[in-house]
Amino acid sequence: MAKQKKLYRTTGKKRKIAGVCGGIAEYLDVDPTVIRLIWVIATLAYGVGLLAYLLAWLIMPEK
């Protein structure tokens, strides 16, 4: 039986602000820095990154 992946905010070393990017990186199995760069680009280019981060912070449970 395969282990089911769940999306959580991270705690500990991978956490910078709220653990949203670290949690997404764990879920997608990529480096958290890549997710953070994508998030910054989305914030600067489209302006929705900050709102999306705040919503994710409220919605995603902590690990």
PDB file of N, CA and C in Angstrom:
ATOM      1  N   MET A   1       0.839  -1.182   0.000  1.00  0.00           N
ATOM      2  CA  MET A   1       0.000   0.000   0.000  1.00  0.00           C
ATOM      3  C   MET A   1       0.881   1.241   0.000  1.00  0.00           C
ATOM      4  N   ALA A   2       0.644   2.141  -0.932  1.00  0.00           N
ATOM      5  CA  ALA A   2       1.461   3.348  -1.061  1.00  0.00           C
ATOM      6  C   ALA A   2       1.108   4.359   0.032  1.00  0.00           C
ATOM      7  N   LYS A   3       2.125   5.066   0.471  1.00  0.00           N
ATOM      8  CA  LYS A   3       1.923   6.097   1.486  1.00  0.00           C
ATOM      9  C   LYS A   3       1.254   7.314   0.849  1.00  0.00           C
ATOM     10  N   GLN A   4       0.179   7.775   1.435  1.00  0.00           N
ATOM     11  CA  GLN A   4      -0.546   8.927   0.912  1.00  0.00           C
ATOM     12  C   GLN A   4       0.152  10.215   1.350  1.00  0.00           C
ATOM     13  N   LYS A   5       0.424  11.092   0.383  1.00  0.00           N
ATOM     14  CA  LYS A   5       1.068  12.364   0.684  1.00  0.00           C
ATOM     15  C   LYS A   5       0.014  13.373   1.119  1.00  0.00           C
ATOM     16  N   LYS A   6       0.362  14.180   2.120  1.00  0.00           N
ATOM     17  CA  LYS A   6      -0.522  15.241   2.582  1.00  0.00           C
ATOM     18  C   LYS A   6       0.238  16.552   2.569  1.00  0.00           C
ATOM     19  N   LEU A   7      -0.479  17.621   2.334  1.00  0.00           N
ATOM     20  CA  LEU A   7       0.103  18.952   2.270  1.00  0.00           C
ATOM     21  C   LEU A   7       0.011  19.622   3.633  1.00  0.00           C
ATOM     22  N   TYR A   8       1.163  19.907   4.226  1.00  0.00           N
ATOM     23  CA  TYR A   8       1.255  20.566   5.522  1.00  0.00           C
ATOM     24  C   TYR A   8       2.245  21.711   5.450  1.00  0.00           C
ATOM     25  N   ARG A   9       2.115  22.665   6.379  1.00  0.00           N
ATOM     26  CA  ARG A   9       3.165  23.671   6.567  1.00  0.00           C
ATOM     27  C   ARG A   9       4.277  23.001   7.361  1.00  0.00           C
ATOM     28  N   THR A  10       5.515  23.299   7.010  1.00  0.00           N
ATOM     29  CA  THR A  10       6.636  22.665   7.693  1.00  0.00           C
ATOM     30  C   THR A  10       6.969  23.373   8.988  1.00  0.00           C
ATOM     31  N   THR A  11       7.671  22.649   9.810  1.00  0.00           N
ATOM     32  CA  THR A  11       8.228  23.200  11.038  1.00  0.00           C
ATOM     33  C   THR A  11       9.716  22.910  11.017  1.00  0.00           C
ATOM     34  N   GLY A  12      10.469  23.645  11.766  1.00  0.00           N
ATOM     35  CA  GLY A  12      11.894  23.367  11.886  1.00  0.00           C
ATOM     36  C   GLY A  12      12.739  24.077  10.852  1.00  0.00           C
ATOM     37  N   LYS A  13      13.743  23.377  10.350  1.00  0.00           N
ATOM     38  CA  LYS A  13      14.796  23.968   9.525  1.00  0.00           C
ATOM     39  C   LYS A  13      14.313  24.506   8.165  1.00  0.00           C
ATOM     40  N   LYS A  14      13.338  23.858   7.552  1.00  0.00           N
ATOM     41  CA  LYS A  14      12.859  24.286   6.236  1.00  0.00           C
ATOM     42  C   LYS A  14      11.926  25.480   6.322  1.00  0.00           C
ATOM     43  N   ARG A  15      11.550  25.878   7.496  1.00  0.00           N
ATOM     44  CA  ARG A  15      10.592  26.967   7.700  1.00  0.00           C
ATOM     45  C   ARG A  15      11.314  28.311   7.757  1.00  0.00           C
ATOM     46  N   LYS A  16      10.848  29.269   6.983  1.00  0.00           N
ATOM     47  CA  LYS A  16      11.408  30.626   7.028  1.00  0.00           C
ATOM     48  C   LYS A  16      10.428  31.601   7.668  1.00  0.00           C
ATOM     49  N   ILE A  17       9.212  31.686   7.161  1.00  0.00           N
ATOM     50  CA  ILE A  17       8.213  32.595   7.728  1.00  0.00           C
ATOM     51  C   ILE A  17       7.099  31.768   8.358  1.00  0.00           C
ATOM     52  N   ALA A  18       6.271  31.159   7.546  1.00  0.00           N
ATOM     53  CA  ALA A  18       5.143  30.390   8.085  1.00  0.00           C
ATOM     54  C   ALA A  18       5.223  28.914   7.737  1.00  0.00           C
ATOM     55  N   GLY A  19       6.176  28.513   6.911  1.00  0.00           N
ATOM     56  CA  GLY A  19       6.330  27.112   6.536  1.00  0.00           C
ATOM     57  C   GLY A  19       5.543  26.705   5.309  1.00  0.00           C
ATOM     58  N   VAL A  20       4.926  27.665   4.628  1.00  0.00           N
ATOM     59  CA  VAL A  20       4.105  27.351   3.460  1.00  0.00           C
ATOM     60  C   VAL A  20       4.969  26.826   2.311  1.00  0.00           C
ATOM     61  N   CYS A  21       6.000  27.541   1.961  1.00  0.00           N
ATOM     62  CA  CYS A  21       6.862  27.132   0.839  1.00  0.00           C
ATOM     63  C   CYS A  21       7.582  25.822   1.142  1.00  0.00           C
ATOM     64  N   GLY A  22       8.036  25.660   2.378  1.00  0.00           N
ATOM     65  CA  GLY A  22       8.687  24.410   2.768  1.00  0.00           C
ATOM     66  C   GLY A  22       7.738  23.228   2.680  1.00  0.00           C
ATOM     67  N   GLY A  23       6.492  23.433   3.074  1.00  0.00           N
ATOM     68  CA  GLY A  23       5.497  22.364   2.985  1.00  0.00           C
ATOM     69  C   GLY A  23       5.176  21.986   1.554  1.00  0.00           C
ATOM     70  N   ILE A  24       5.047  22.985   0.694  1.00  0.00           N
ATOM     71  CA  ILE A  24       4.793  22.713  -0.723  1.00  0.00           C
ATOM     72  C   ILE A  24       5.981  21.997  -1.339  1.00  0.00           C
ATOM     73  N   ALA A  25       7.187  22.405  -0.961  1.00  0.00           N
ATOM     74  CA  ALA A  25       8.398  21.764  -1.478  1.00  0.00           C
ATOM     75  C   ALA A  25       8.475  20.303  -1.039  1.00  0.00           C
ATOM     76  N   GLU A  26       8.129  20.017   0.208  1.00  0.00           N
ATOM     77  CA  GLU A  26       8.109  18.624   0.671  1.00  0.00           C
ATOM     78  C   GLU A  26       7.078  17.811  -0.096  1.00  0.00           C
ATOM     79  N   TYR A  27       5.920  18.383  -0.316  1.00  0.00           N
ATOM     80  CA  TYR A  27       4.849  17.689  -1.027  1.00  0.00           C
ATOM     81  C   TYR A  27       5.256  17.369  -2.462  1.00  0.00           C
ATOM     82  N   LEU A  28       5.916  18.335  -3.126  1.00  0.00           N
ATOM     83  CA  LEU A  28       6.332  18.153  -4.516  1.00  0.00           C
ATOM     84  C   LEU A  28       7.710  17.506  -4.640  1.00  0.00           C
ATOM     85  N   ASP A  29       8.394  17.303  -3.513  1.00  0.00           N
ATOM     86  CA  ASP A  29       9.728  16.711  -3.462  1.00  0.00           C
ATOM     87  C   ASP A  29      10.746  17.519  -4.277  1.00  0.00           C
ATOM     88  N   VAL A  30      10.780  18.828  -4.020  1.00  0.00           N
ATOM     89  CA  VAL A  30      11.745  19.729  -4.643  1.00  0.00           C
ATOM     90  C   VAL A  30      12.402  20.575  -3.556  1.00  0.00           C
ATOM     91  N   ASP A  31      13.410  21.327  -3.935  1.00  0.00           N
ATOM     92  CA  ASP A  31      14.111  22.204  -3.000  1.00  0.00           C
ATOM     93  C   ASP A  31      13.202  23.383  -2.626  1.00  0.00           C
ATOM     94  N   PRO A  32      13.106  23.713  -1.336  1.00  0.00           N
ATOM     95  CA  PRO A  32      12.251  24.835  -0.916  1.00  0.00           C
ATOM     96  C   PRO A  32      12.642  26.168  -1.549  1.00  0.00           C
ATOM     97  N   THR A  33      13.912  26.332  -1.880  1.00  0.00           N
ATOM     98  CA  THR A  33      14.363  27.575  -2.505  1.00  0.00           C
ATOM     99  C   THR A  33      13.686  27.790  -3.855  1.00  0.00           C
ATOM    100  N   VAL A  34      13.460  26.727  -4.589  1.00  0.00           N
ATOM    101  CA  VAL A  34      12.785  26.827  -5.891  1.00  0.00           C
ATOM    102  C   VAL A  34      11.363  27.346  -5.700  1.00  0.00           C
ATOM    103  N   ILE A  35      10.658  26.818  -4.723  1.00  0.00           N
ATOM    104  CA  ILE A  35       9.288  27.251  -4.446  1.00  0.00           C
ATOM    105  C   ILE A  35       9.281  28.712  -3.993  1.00  0.00           C
ATOM    106  N   ARG A  36      10.236  29.084  -3.154  1.00  0.00           N
ATOM    107  CA  ARG A  36      10.308  30.479  -2.691  1.00  0.00           C
ATOM    108  C   ARG A  36      10.563  31.436  -3.850  1.00  0.00           C
ATOM    109  N   LEU A  37      11.446  31.061  -4.777  1.00  0.00           N
ATOM    110  CA  LEU A  37      11.715  31.916  -5.942  1.00  0.00           C
ATOM    111  C   LEU A  37      10.475  32.066  -6.817  1.00  0.00           C
ATOM    112  N   ILE A  38       9.776  30.983  -7.037  1.00  0.00           N
ATOM    113  CA  ILE A  38       8.536  31.045  -7.825  1.00  0.00           C
ATOM    114  C   ILE A  38       7.527  31.953  -7.134  1.00  0.00           C
ATOM    115  N   TRP A  39       7.436  31.858  -5.812  1.00  0.00           N
ATOM    116  CA  TRP A  39       6.488  32.671  -5.056  1.00  0.00           C
ATOM    117  C   TRP A  39       6.848  34.156  -5.140  1.00  0.00           C
ATOM    118  N   VAL A  40       8.135  34.480  -5.055  1.00  0.00           N
ATOM    119  CA  VAL A  40       8.572  35.878  -5.159  1.00  0.00           C
ATOM    120  C   VAL A  40       8.289  36.424  -6.554  1.00  0.00           C
ATOM    121  N   ILE A  41       8.557  35.624  -7.572  1.00  0.00           N
ATOM    122  CA  ILE A  41       8.283  36.056  -8.949  1.00  0.00           C
ATOM    123  C   ILE A  41       6.786  36.290  -9.141  1.00  0.00           C
ATOM    124  N   ALA A  42       5.960  35.403  -8.608  1.00  0.00           N
ATOM    125  CA  ALA A  42       4.509  35.583  -8.724  1.00  0.00           C
ATOM    126  C   ALA A  42       4.053  36.843  -8.003  1.00  0.00           C
ATOM    127  N   THR A  43       4.675  37.134  -6.870  1.00  0.00           N
ATOM    128  CA  THR A  43       4.304  38.333  -6.125  1.00  0.00           C
ATOM    129  C   THR A  43       4.705  39.592  -6.884  1.00  0.00           C
ATOM    130  N   LEU A  44       5.921  39.620  -7.398  1.00  0.00           N
ATOM    131  CA  LEU A  44       6.409  40.814  -8.091  1.00  0.00           C
ATOM    132  C   LEU A  44       5.773  40.999  -9.463  1.00  0.00           C
ATOM    133  N   ALA A  45       5.549  39.913 -10.181  1.00  0.00           N
ATOM    134  CA  ALA A  45       5.038  40.013 -11.545  1.00  0.00           C
ATOM    135  C   ALA A  45       3.523  40.191 -11.595  1.00  0.00           C
ATOM    136  N   TYR A  46       2.811  39.462 -10.759  1.00  0.00           N
ATOM    137  CA  TYR A  46       1.364  39.452 -10.864  1.00  0.00           C
ATOM    138  C   TYR A  46       0.649  40.046  -9.659  1.00  0.00           C
ATOM    139  N   GLY A  47       1.339  40.148  -8.545  1.00  0.00           N
ATOM    140  CA  GLY A  47       0.752  40.738  -7.354  1.00  0.00           C
ATOM    141  C   GLY A  47      -0.152  39.817  -6.556  1.00  0.00           C
ATOM    142  N   VAL A  48      -0.350  38.597  -7.012  1.00  0.00           N
ATOM    143  CA  VAL A  48      -1.232  37.671  -6.308  1.00  0.00           C
ATOM    144  C   VAL A  48      -0.479  36.770  -5.335  1.00  0.00           C
ATOM    145  N   GLY A  49       0.821  36.773  -5.404  1.00  0.00           N
ATOM    146  CA  GLY A  49       1.625  35.882  -4.575  1.00  0.00           C
ATOM    147  C   GLY A  49       1.441  36.124  -3.090  1.00  0.00           C
ATOM    148  N   LEU A  50       1.392  37.372  -2.677  1.00  0.00           N
ATOM    149  CA  LEU A  50       1.248  37.692  -1.256  1.00  0.00           C
ATOM    150  C   LEU A  50      -0.114  37.256  -0.724  1.00  0.00           C
ATOM    151  N   LEU A  51      -1.162  37.532  -1.474  1.00  0.00           N
ATOM    152  CA  LEU A  51      -2.499  37.112  -1.071  1.00  0.00           C
ATOM    153  C   LEU A  51      -2.599  35.586  -1.023  1.00  0.00           C
ATOM    154  N   ALA A  52      -2.036  34.921  -2.018  1.00  0.00           N
ATOM    155  CA  ALA A  52      -2.057  33.459  -2.048  1.00  0.00           C
ATOM    156  C   ALA A  52      -1.278  32.879  -0.876  1.00  0.00           C
ATOM    157  N   TYR A  53      -0.154  33.500  -0.507  1.00  0.00           N
ATOM    158  CA  TYR A  53       0.643  33.035   0.624  1.00  0.00           C
ATOM    159  C   TYR A  53      -0.149  33.155   1.920  1.00  0.00           C
ATOM    160  N   LEU A  54      -0.799  34.291   2.104  1.00  0.00           N
ATOM    161  CA  LEU A  54      -1.594  34.492   3.312  1.00  0.00           C
ATOM    162  C   LEU A  54      -2.750  33.494   3.400  1.00  0.00           C
ATOM    163  N   LEU A  55      -3.405  33.234   2.282  1.00  0.00           N
ATOM    164  CA  LEU A  55      -4.481  32.249   2.267  1.00  0.00           C
ATOM    165  C   LEU A  55      -3.959  30.846   2.564  1.00  0.00           C
ATOM    166  N   ALA A  56      -2.822  30.499   1.979  1.00  0.00           N
ATOM    167  CA  ALA A  56      -2.222  29.191   2.238  1.00  0.00           C
ATOM    168  C   ALA A  56      -1.836  29.057   3.705  1.00  0.00           C
ATOM    169  N   TRP A  57      -1.332  30.133   4.291  1.00  0.00           N
ATOM    170  CA  TRP A  57      -0.949  30.135   5.695  1.00  0.00           C
ATOM    171  C   TRP A  57      -2.166  29.841   6.596  1.00  0.00           C
ATOM    172  N   LEU A  58      -3.298  30.404   6.228  1.00  0.00           N
ATOM    173  CA  LEU A  58      -4.510  30.200   7.011  1.00  0.00           C
ATOM    174  C   LEU A  58      -5.128  28.811   6.785  1.00  0.00           C
ATOM    175  N   ILE A  59      -5.025  28.304   5.571  1.00  0.00           N
ATOM    176  CA  ILE A  59      -5.707  27.066   5.206  1.00  0.00           C
ATOM    177  C   ILE A  59      -4.896  25.807   5.527  1.00  0.00           C
ATOM    178  N   MET A  60      -3.596  25.844   5.257  1.00  0.00           N
ATOM    179  CA  MET A  60      -2.759  24.652   5.433  1.00  0.00           C
ATOM    180  C   MET A  60      -2.525  24.352   6.906  1.00  0.00           C
ATOM    181  N   PRO A  61      -2.752  23.116   7.324  1.00  0.00           N
ATOM    182  CA  PRO A  61      -2.473  22.764   8.722  1.00  0.00           C
ATOM    183  C   PRO A  61      -0.966  22.615   8.947  1.00  0.00           C
ATOM    184  N   GLU A  62      -0.549  22.798  10.190  1.00  0.00           N
ATOM    185  CA  GLU A  62       0.865  22.643  10.522  1.00  0.00           C
ATOM    186  C   GLU A  62       1.165  21.181  10.766  1.00  0.00           C
ATOM    187  N   LYS A  63       2.339  20.733  10.354  1.00  0.00           N
ATOM    188  CA  LYS A  63       2.729  19.337  10.492  1.00  0.00           C
ATOM    189  C   LYS A  63       2.941  18.957  11.931  1.00  0.00           C
TER     190      LYS A  63
END
